Amino acid sequence: MKTITFLLLCLFLSIGLTQLSAQNGKNDTGAVTEKAIWDGYYVDIPVNCNDAVVDRLVGLIKMYNVLHFKNGVEFWVKQQYDGEVTSQITNEVFTVKDIAKYTLVPLIGYGHCNLNGNNGSHYILTYIWDGATDTFQFVKAVCP
């Protein structure tokens, strides 16, 4: 959880330190995009099925962010993650497709993740991330 908190803190600080001149529209309303690499994806996020942790996945993934501003203030962020991660339990390699949207007030994220393993495992997760407590709630999980 510390990894995610640190990543989001870095993301928001980098936004605050950049100029908003790349935005479209008047009154600094529009969107800015950025790309990043995240090493340690899912280290602190369990693959949770039927209220039980079934796997922990680690790896290097690409992150694509679209930061939306309204009147010069960041309003919400849409993030897309993709890459490969490895199971810490079975060593199976999974491809990741994850899309999340975060609002800044309150700091809450809603996401959907599709994980396909090279040995046939397939996880589909829908989650909510609460930034105030840095916790995940799994709304729906489809597991093997």
Protein backbone atom coordinates (compact mmCIF):
# COMPACT_ATOMS: atom_id res chain seq x y z
CA MET A 1 0.00 0.00 0.00
CA LYS A 2 2.94 2.29 0.65
CA THR A 3 4.03 1.86 -2.96
CA ILE A 4 0.69 3.09 -4.27
CA THR A 5 0.58 5.99 -1.85
CA PHE A 6 4.12 6.99 -2.81
CA LEU A 7 3.34 6.65 -6.54
CA LEU A 8 0.22 8.80 -6.29
CA LEU A 9 2.06 11.38 -4.17
CA CYS A 10 4.81 11.60 -6.80
CA LEU A 11 2.18 11.84 -9.53
CA PHE A 12 0.35 14.70 -7.84
CA LEU A 13 3.57 16.55 -6.97
CA SER A 14 4.79 16.29 -10.55
CA ILE A 15 1.48 17.69 -11.73
CA GLY A 16 1.73 20.59 -9.34
CA LEU A 17 5.26 21.43 -10.46
CA THR A 18 4.48 21.45 -14.18
CA GLN A 19 2.96 24.31 -16.08
CA LEU A 20 -0.58 23.96 -17.30
CA SER A 21 0.21 25.58 -20.64
CA ALA A 22 -0.28 22.29 -22.52
CA GLN A 23 -3.99 22.29 -21.73
CA ASN A 24 -6.70 23.20 -24.17
CA GLY A 25 -9.59 25.51 -23.57
CA LYS A 26 -9.85 28.70 -21.64
CA ASN A 27 -9.40 29.19 -17.92
CA ASP A 28 -6.91 26.29 -17.86
CA THR A 29 -9.54 23.64 -18.47
CA GLY A 30 -8.54 20.53 -20.38
CA ALA A 31 -6.31 17.48 -20.14
CA VAL A 32 -2.62 16.65 -19.93
CA THR A 33 -1.14 13.23 -20.66
CA GLU A 34 1.93 11.54 -19.25
CA LYS A 35 3.59 8.14 -19.42
CA ALA A 36 5.52 6.35 -16.69
CA ILE A 37 6.94 2.96 -15.71
CA TRP A 38 5.81 1.39 -12.44
CA ASP A 39 8.11 -1.24 -10.97
CA GLY A 40 6.33 -3.24 -8.27
CA TYR A 41 2.79 -3.35 -9.64
CA TYR A 42 0.53 -5.35 -7.32
CA VAL A 43 3.18 -5.80 -4.62
CA ASP A 44 0.74 -4.52 -2.05
CA ILE A 45 -2.48 -5.26 -3.96
CA PRO A 46 -3.69 -8.82 -3.41
CA VAL A 47 -5.59 -10.81 -6.02
CA ASN A 48 -8.66 -11.35 -3.89
CA CYS A 49 -11.28 -13.97 -4.89
CA ASN A 50 -14.18 -15.05 -2.69
CA ASP A 51 -12.80 -12.95 0.20
CA ALA A 52 -9.48 -14.83 0.15
CA VAL A 53 -6.09 -13.75 -1.19
CA VAL A 54 -5.25 -16.20 -3.98
CA ASP A 55 -2.19 -14.54 -5.49
CA ARG A 56 0.24 -11.64 -5.35
CA LEU A 57 1.64 -10.37 -8.62
CA VAL A 58 4.82 -8.35 -9.14
CA GLY A 59 6.32 -6.82 -12.23
CA LEU A 60 7.24 -3.85 -14.35
CA ILE A 61 4.31 -2.24 -16.13
CA LYS A 62 3.67 0.83 -18.26
CA MET A 63 1.32 3.46 -16.93
CA TYR A 64 -0.47 6.03 -19.09
CA ASN A 65 -2.18 8.92 -17.29
CA VAL A 66 -4.70 11.46 -18.53
CA LEU A 67 -4.96 14.29 -16.01
CA HIS A 68 -8.11 16.39 -16.26
CA PHE A 69 -8.15 20.00 -15.08
CA LYS A 70 -11.00 22.39 -14.43
CA ASN A 71 -10.20 26.08 -13.92
CA GLY A 72 -6.53 25.27 -13.37
CA VAL A 73 -7.16 22.65 -10.68
CA GLU A 74 -6.68 18.92 -11.21
CA PHE A 75 -10.13 17.37 -11.08
CA TRP A 76 -9.67 13.68 -11.89
CA VAL A 77 -7.18 11.21 -13.38
CA LYS A 78 -7.69 8.25 -15.70
CA GLN A 79 -4.90 5.66 -15.63
CA GLN A 80 -4.23 2.72 -17.91
CA TYR A 81 -1.71 0.05 -16.97
CA ASP A 82 -0.32 -2.72 -19.15
CA GLY A 83 2.63 -5.05 -19.10
CA GLU A 84 3.62 -8.38 -17.56
CA VAL A 85 3.72 -9.47 -13.93
CA THR A 86 4.76 -12.72 -12.27
CA SER A 87 2.91 -14.65 -9.58
CA GLN A 88 4.81 -14.80 -6.30
CA ILE A 89 3.06 -18.12 -5.60
CA THR A 90 3.18 -20.12 -8.86
CA ASN A 91 5.68 -18.12 -10.99
CA GLU A 92 3.02 -17.92 -13.72
CA VAL A 93 3.45 -14.86 -15.97
CA PHE A 94 0.37 -12.67 -16.44
CA THR A 95 -0.39 -9.95 -18.97
CA VAL A 96 -2.03 -6.95 -17.35
CA LYS A 97 -4.78 -4.69 -18.69
CA ASP A 98 -5.98 -2.36 -15.95
CA ILE A 99 -8.02 0.82 -16.23
CA ALA A 100 -8.75 3.08 -13.26
CA LYS A 101 -10.29 6.49 -12.68
CA TYR A 102 -9.41 8.54 -9.60
CA THR A 103 -11.22 11.58 -8.27
CA LEU A 104 -9.20 13.92 -6.11
CA VAL A 105 -11.96 15.11 -3.78
CA PRO A 106 -12.54 12.67 -2.25
CA LEU A 107 -9.41 10.67 -3.18
CA ILE A 108 -11.15 7.55 -4.49
CA GLY A 109 -10.39 5.29 -7.43
CA TYR A 110 -12.53 2.85 -9.36
CA GLY A 111 -10.84 0.22 -11.50
CA HIS A 112 -11.20 -2.87 -13.64
CA CYS A 113 -8.32 -5.29 -14.16
CA ASN A 114 -7.92 -8.22 -16.56
CA LEU A 115 -5.01 -10.61 -15.84
CA ASN A 116 -4.26 -13.49 -18.25
CA GLY A 117 -1.69 -16.10 -17.21
CA ASN A 118 0.53 -18.12 -19.55
CA ASN A 119 -0.58 -21.35 -17.76
CA GLY A 120 -4.29 -20.67 -18.25
CA SER A 121 -5.14 -18.71 -15.09
CA HIS A 122 -7.40 -15.72 -15.68
CA TYR A 123 -8.43 -13.11 -13.11
CA ILE A 124 -10.95 -10.33 -13.73
CA LEU A 125 -11.16 -7.86 -10.85
CA THR A 126 -13.31 -4.80 -10.22
CA TYR A 127 -12.14 -2.70 -7.30
CA ILE A 128 -12.45 0.54 -5.37
CA TRP A 129 -9.37 2.19 -3.87
CA ASP A 130 -9.89 4.53 -0.92
CA GLY A 131 -7.06 7.06 -0.78
CA ALA A 132 -7.92 8.20 2.75
CA THR A 133 -7.20 4.73 4.18
CA ASP A 134 -5.06 3.38 1.29
CA THR A 135 -7.23 0.27 1.09
CA PHE A 136 -8.79 -1.75 -1.71
CA GLN A 137 -12.30 -3.13 -1.75
CA PHE A 138 -12.93 -5.80 -4.36
CA VAL A 139 -16.43 -5.30 -5.73
CA LYS A 140 -16.33 -8.28 -8.07
CA ALA A 141 -13.78 -10.95 -8.87
CA VAL A 142 -13.88 -13.72 -11.46
CA CYS A 143 -11.19 -16.31 -10.79
CA PRO A 144 -10.31 -19.82 -11.99
